[in-house]
Protein backbone atom coordinates (compact mmCIF):
# COMPACT_ATOMS: atom_id res chain seq x y z
CA MET A 1 0.94 29.80 2.54
CA SER A 2 -2.49 31.01 1.11
CA LYS A 3 -5.42 29.09 1.18
CA GLU A 4 -5.52 28.44 -2.74
CA ASN A 5 -2.15 26.51 -2.05
CA LEU A 6 -2.91 24.07 0.12
CA PHE A 7 -2.97 21.17 -1.64
CA ASP A 8 -0.56 22.31 -3.91
CA LEU A 9 2.00 19.46 -4.76
CA LYS A 10 3.55 20.97 -7.89
CA GLY A 11 7.39 20.47 -8.42
CA LYS A 12 7.15 17.98 -5.86
CA ILE A 13 9.61 14.30 -6.13
CA ALA A 14 7.74 11.61 -5.07
CA VAL A 15 8.94 7.75 -4.52
CA VAL A 16 6.28 5.50 -4.71
CA THR A 17 7.01 2.06 -4.29
CA GLY A 18 5.05 -1.08 -5.88
CA GLY A 19 4.28 1.76 -8.53
CA GLY A 20 3.74 -0.68 -10.79
CA GLY A 21 0.44 -2.36 -9.22
CA VAL A 22 -3.19 -0.97 -10.00
CA LEU A 23 -3.27 0.62 -6.49
CA CYS A 24 -0.35 2.37 -6.51
CA GLY A 25 0.04 2.74 -10.45
CA ASP A 26 -3.07 4.71 -10.32
CA ILE A 27 -1.31 6.90 -7.50
CA ALA A 28 1.73 7.51 -9.03
CA LYS A 29 -0.80 8.53 -12.19
CA GLY A 30 -2.59 11.02 -10.26
CA LEU A 31 0.54 12.51 -8.35
CA ALA A 32 2.10 13.34 -11.76
CA ALA A 33 -1.17 14.86 -12.98
CA CYS A 34 -0.74 17.12 -9.89
CA GLY A 35 2.78 18.07 -11.35
CA VAL A 36 4.61 16.10 -9.00
CA LYS A 37 7.82 14.32 -10.38
CA VAL A 38 7.24 10.53 -10.16
CA ALA A 39 9.82 7.39 -9.46
CA VAL A 40 7.78 4.67 -10.17
CA LEU A 41 9.53 1.58 -7.90
CA ASP A 42 8.46 -1.90 -9.04
CA LEU A 43 10.18 -5.28 -8.92
CA LYS A 44 8.95 -5.93 -12.37
CA LYS A 45 9.94 -3.68 -14.77
CA GLU A 46 7.55 -3.84 -17.29
CA ALA A 47 4.96 -3.00 -15.16
CA ALA A 48 6.90 0.21 -14.02
CA GLU A 49 7.60 1.26 -17.25
CA SER A 50 4.04 0.43 -18.81
CA VAL A 51 2.81 2.87 -15.86
CA VAL A 52 5.72 5.44 -17.00
CA ASN A 53 4.62 5.04 -20.21
CA ASP A 54 0.66 6.24 -19.28
CA ILE A 55 2.10 9.31 -17.39
CA LYS A 56 4.45 10.55 -20.07
CA LYS A 57 1.32 10.21 -22.30
CA ASN A 58 -0.66 13.08 -20.49
CA ASN A 59 2.70 15.18 -20.24
CA GLY A 60 3.92 13.92 -16.80
CA GLU A 61 7.08 13.45 -15.78
CA ALA A 62 8.27 10.22 -14.11
CA ILE A 63 10.64 6.97 -14.69
CA ALA A 64 10.40 3.46 -13.92
CA VAL A 65 13.33 2.06 -11.45
CA VAL A 66 13.50 -1.84 -10.74
CA CYS A 67 13.49 -2.08 -6.86
CA ASN A 68 13.42 -4.96 -4.58
CA VAL A 69 12.08 -4.04 -1.56
CA LEU A 70 13.77 -6.68 0.46
CA GLU A 71 17.01 -5.72 -0.56
CA ARG A 72 18.56 -2.69 1.10
CA ALA A 73 20.83 -2.68 -1.85
CA SER A 74 18.55 -2.68 -4.34
CA ILE A 75 16.63 0.41 -2.86
CA GLU A 76 20.06 2.12 -2.29
CA GLN A 77 20.63 1.81 -5.67
CA ALA A 78 17.08 2.68 -6.41
CA CYS A 79 17.09 5.95 -4.61
CA GLU A 80 20.67 6.73 -6.23
CA GLN A 81 18.92 7.07 -9.55
CA VAL A 82 16.26 8.88 -8.42
CA ILE A 83 18.60 11.49 -6.91
CA LYS A 84 20.16 11.35 -10.32
CA ALA A 85 17.15 12.28 -12.23
CA TYR A 86 15.54 14.45 -10.22
CA GLY A 87 16.95 15.32 -7.12
CA GLN A 88 16.22 14.44 -3.18
CA PRO A 89 12.78 13.15 -2.93
CA ASN A 90 10.25 14.69 -0.76
CA ILE A 91 8.16 12.21 -0.51
CA LEU A 92 8.04 8.49 -0.37
CA ILE A 93 4.78 6.32 -0.45
CA ASN A 94 5.60 2.79 0.66
CA GLY A 95 2.38 1.10 -1.73
CA ALA A 96 4.86 -2.45 -2.08
CA GLY A 97 2.56 -5.50 -0.28
CA GLY A 98 0.39 -8.10 -0.61
CA ASN A 99 -0.79 -11.49 0.01
CA SER A 100 -0.51 -14.73 -1.02
CA PRO A 101 -2.38 -18.23 -1.69
CA LYS A 102 0.33 -20.05 0.75
CA ALA A 103 -0.83 -17.83 4.01
CA THR A 104 -4.80 -18.07 3.09
CA THR A 105 -6.44 -20.80 4.67
CA SER A 106 -9.24 -22.64 2.48
CA LYS A 107 -12.35 -22.03 4.89
CA GLU A 108 -13.19 -19.29 7.27
CA GLN A 109 -13.43 -21.53 10.48
CA LEU A 110 -12.05 -24.83 11.31
CA SER A 111 -14.18 -27.80 12.04
CA VAL A 112 -13.11 -30.92 13.38
CA ALA A 113 -13.51 -32.80 9.72
CA ASP A 114 -10.96 -30.36 8.17
CA LEU A 115 -8.54 -32.03 10.50
CA LYS A 116 -8.90 -35.15 7.48
CA ASN A 117 -9.24 -33.45 5.06
CA LYS A 118 -6.58 -34.32 2.31
CA THR A 119 -7.49 -32.91 -0.78
CA GLU A 120 -4.78 -31.18 -2.48
CA ASN A 121 -4.43 -27.64 -2.15
CA PHE A 122 -6.91 -27.54 0.89
CA LYS A 123 -5.32 -25.79 3.95
CA THR A 124 -6.31 -25.30 7.79
CA PHE A 125 -4.45 -22.32 9.54
CA PHE A 126 -2.19 -25.42 10.55
CA ASP A 127 -0.67 -26.35 7.14
CA LEU A 128 0.12 -23.12 6.72
CA THR A 129 4.03 -22.93 6.43
CA PRO A 130 6.23 -20.44 7.74
CA GLU A 131 7.73 -19.82 4.54
CA GLY A 132 4.49 -18.49 2.84
CA THR A 133 3.78 -16.56 6.58
CA GLN A 134 7.31 -14.66 6.41
CA PHE A 135 6.77 -14.15 3.14
CA VAL A 136 3.72 -12.25 3.34
CA PHE A 137 4.71 -10.67 6.56
CA ASN A 138 8.30 -9.88 4.82
CA LEU A 139 6.77 -8.20 2.04
CA ASN A 140 4.57 -5.90 3.66
CA PHE A 141 6.40 -4.97 6.93
CA LEU A 142 9.98 -4.92 5.82
CA GLY A 143 8.97 -3.75 2.73
CA THR A 144 8.01 -0.73 4.15
CA LEU A 145 10.45 -0.61 7.17
CA LEU A 146 13.61 -0.97 4.77
CA PRO A 147 12.64 2.13 2.21
CA THR A 148 11.52 4.13 4.87
CA GLN A 149 15.30 3.99 6.84
CA VAL A 150 16.89 4.50 2.83
CA PHE A 151 14.89 7.48 1.68
CA GLY A 152 14.09 8.96 5.49
CA LEU A 153 18.02 9.18 5.65
CA LYS A 154 17.80 11.49 2.70
CA MET A 155 14.71 13.10 3.58
CA ALA A 156 16.62 13.85 7.38
CA GLU A 157 19.80 15.30 5.66
CA ASN A 158 17.59 17.23 3.15
CA GLY A 159 15.54 19.15 5.61
CA GLY A 160 12.56 16.71 5.89
CA GLY A 161 10.11 15.57 4.04
CA VAL A 162 6.44 13.79 4.11
CA MET A 163 5.71 9.66 3.81
CA LEU A 164 2.93 7.53 3.27
CA ASN A 165 2.26 4.07 3.92
CA VAL A 166 -0.51 1.83 2.96
CA SER A 167 -1.81 -0.11 5.97
CA SER A 168 -5.11 -2.03 5.53
CA MET A 169 -8.72 -2.70 6.72
CA ASN A 170 -7.30 -5.85 8.45
CA ALA A 171 -5.18 -3.51 10.60
CA PHE A 172 -8.57 -2.63 12.17
CA ARG A 173 -10.42 -5.52 11.59
CA PRO A 174 -8.74 -9.05 11.48
CA LEU A 175 -10.02 -10.45 8.54
CA THR A 176 -10.83 -14.18 8.19
CA LYS A 177 -8.44 -16.53 6.28
CA ILE A 178 -5.13 -14.46 6.13
CA PRO A 179 -4.12 -14.43 9.07
CA ALA A 180 -0.40 -13.35 7.63
CA TYR A 181 -1.76 -10.09 5.67
CA SER A 182 -3.73 -8.94 8.69
CA ALA A 183 -0.86 -9.26 11.27
CA ALA A 184 1.60 -7.65 8.67
CA LYS A 185 -0.72 -5.03 8.03
CA ALA A 186 -1.33 -4.22 12.23
CA ALA A 187 2.94 -3.55 11.87
CA VAL A 188 2.44 -1.35 9.41
CA SER A 189 -0.14 0.93 11.02
CA ASN A 190 1.88 0.24 14.26
CA PHE A 191 4.81 1.21 12.60
CA THR A 192 3.86 4.52 10.93
CA GLN A 193 2.97 5.81 14.58
CA TRP A 194 6.36 4.91 16.09
CA ALA A 195 8.11 6.66 13.02
CA SER A 196 6.09 9.82 13.24
CA MET A 197 7.48 10.11 16.50
CA HIS A 198 10.79 8.81 16.02
CA LEU A 199 11.00 11.41 12.76
CA ALA A 200 9.15 14.58 13.92
CA PRO A 201 12.40 16.30 14.99
CA VAL A 202 13.99 16.04 11.66
CA ASN A 203 10.56 17.61 10.15
CA ILE A 204 9.23 14.07 8.54
CA ARG A 205 5.40 13.87 8.83
CA VAL A 206 4.52 10.05 8.34
CA ASN A 207 0.83 8.62 8.29
CA ALA A 208 -1.15 5.65 6.47
CA ILE A 209 -3.91 5.06 4.66
CA ALA A 210 -6.21 2.31 5.44
CA PRO A 211 -7.84 1.02 2.40
CA GLY A 212 -11.22 -0.85 2.02
CA PHE A 213 -11.79 -3.37 -0.29
CA PHE A 214 -10.46 -2.73 -3.48
CA LEU A 215 -10.27 -5.04 -6.53
CA THR A 216 -6.58 -5.96 -6.98
CA GLU A 217 -4.33 -8.78 -8.65
CA GLN A 218 -3.35 -9.91 -5.30
CA ASN A 219 -7.17 -10.45 -3.94
CA ARG A 220 -9.05 -11.17 -6.72
CA PHE A 221 -8.89 -14.67 -6.21
CA LEU A 222 -10.48 -14.34 -3.28
CA LEU A 223 -12.86 -12.10 -3.76
CA THR A 224 -14.30 -13.10 -7.59
CA GLU A 225 -14.93 -16.19 -9.05
CA GLN A 226 -11.83 -17.57 -11.86
CA LYS A 227 -14.04 -18.74 -14.03
CA THR A 228 -17.55 -16.41 -14.07
CA GLY A 229 -16.01 -13.41 -12.65
CA GLU A 230 -19.50 -13.45 -9.80
CA LEU A 231 -18.67 -12.53 -6.88
CA THR A 232 -17.28 -15.19 -4.19
CA PRO A 233 -19.54 -15.70 -0.93
CA ARG A 234 -16.53 -13.80 0.57
CA GLY A 235 -17.07 -11.10 -1.93
CA LYS A 236 -20.63 -10.78 -1.15
CA SER A 237 -20.48 -10.94 2.39
CA ILE A 238 -17.73 -8.19 1.88
CA ILE A 239 -20.16 -5.77 0.15
CA ALA A 240 -23.13 -6.79 2.10
CA HIS A 241 -21.14 -5.30 5.55
CA THR A 242 -19.70 -1.99 3.09
CA PRO A 243 -22.24 0.77 3.88
CA MET A 244 -21.40 2.12 0.45
CA SER A 245 -22.27 -1.00 -1.15
CA ARG A 246 -19.56 -1.40 -3.46
CA PHE A 247 -15.77 -1.98 -3.67
CA GLY A 248 -13.60 0.84 -4.11
CA VAL A 249 -12.06 2.36 -7.09
CA PRO A 250 -8.31 3.82 -7.26
CA GLU A 251 -9.42 7.46 -7.80
CA ASP A 252 -11.39 7.19 -4.22
CA LEU A 253 -8.26 7.19 -2.25
CA PHE A 254 -6.65 10.29 -4.02
CA GLY A 255 -8.04 12.83 -2.11
CA THR A 256 -7.02 11.78 0.92
CA ILE A 257 -3.85 10.99 -0.42
CA ILE A 258 -3.20 14.67 -1.63
CA TRP A 259 -4.72 16.09 2.08
CA LEU A 260 -1.71 14.10 3.55
CA LEU A 261 0.74 14.91 1.61
CA SER A 262 0.17 18.38 1.16
CA ASP A 263 0.33 21.41 3.48
CA ALA A 264 -2.95 21.43 4.32
CA SER A 265 -1.94 18.37 6.54
CA ASN A 266 1.11 20.07 7.75
CA PHE A 267 0.18 19.63 11.81
CA VAL A 268 -0.89 15.82 11.08
CA THR A 269 1.36 13.00 11.60
CA GLY A 270 1.28 9.23 13.07
CA ILE A 271 -2.68 8.72 11.97
CA VAL A 272 -4.39 5.96 9.42
CA VAL A 273 -6.96 6.72 7.94
CA PRO A 274 -9.63 4.20 6.58
CA VAL A 275 -10.70 4.68 3.25
CA ASP A 276 -13.55 2.05 3.20
CA GLY A 277 -16.81 3.26 2.23
CA GLY A 278 -17.89 2.84 5.85
CA PHE A 279 -16.93 -0.75 6.47
CA SER A 280 -14.93 0.12 9.49
CA ALA A 281 -18.02 1.87 10.78
CA TYR A 282 -20.65 -1.07 10.46
CA SER A 283 -21.05 -4.01 13.17
CA GLY A 284 -22.94 -6.24 10.48
CA VAL A 285 -26.26 -5.65 12.69
């Protein structure tokens, strides 16, 4: 392939789980703008259709597919719809995931006084329930593993493909207040490496991106004040520890994604790339 075509994705067929969300919705739109046929998978039909409508307005090709990434049968049905519409997919982006207030502590560090705090909705680490923790872990880890199984099987049978998982800065440096999310994303990074080794003989590359701090519906309650929209102390701390002094925007991910999905990274597999404005490189002093 010539150097001019290294980053060319035109004609590829991509599946994007969590495609109705803020980040993955923009990823789906960006891929469509590059000539990729995109299947936007999301649990919420309206969210997926909204992304598809935007793509079609810009003359792109996309379909909306309702899919629960925690149920293999739902993923298999989604896979059948994609194949019927476009043929065998050769790109999978595992973007479904997120956090929950039910798996989030109220404070960054525990004090003795917290043990006696009976305020409604106040949560210490000891108050986090197995159900809340399991939900977050399953959504992020199983929600990556199961689509990898279903779509990976089709790729293996069809000669190969490329997978891109969405890890997190939490996997590099676990953040306060969100133990389940941090652990789940660390599992995604580890699984990325494992799958890259396991699937290499059948010509499937597996990499991941680790976004820094992007404002999404999942983390907005942690980073901004609900009433004023001003940054919370946590939000201010993040900006103070990000050398580029801002939150990321979806477009910041796209160059890295194109590189990892295209032939430009043909000998790259098993890596997790931080896209974080320098957060992971800064010690804070």
